[in-house]
Amino acid sequence: MTYQSQLTELKGMIEKIEYYKYTTDALIYWDKITYMPRNAIEYRSKVMSFLAGEQYRLLSDSRFQKLI
């Protein structure tokens, strides 16, 4: 694998991580400004947990670790 292809792969992984982070931050902000209904907290917690889990999965991926 060439340096350029490794760099492209790393950029792609970082982009996905940033998408998850941005989405998580956006949801927190949206809930804050709209005063999320109390009954929605369980669902929102599941969504946030999923997004955080995906972000962690990418950050801890052995391939990602090798590329950085």
Foldseek 3Di string as FASTA:
>chain_A
DDPVVLVVVLVVLVVLLVVLVVVLVVVVVVCVVVVDDPVCVVVVVVVNVVSVVVSVCSVPPPSNVVSD
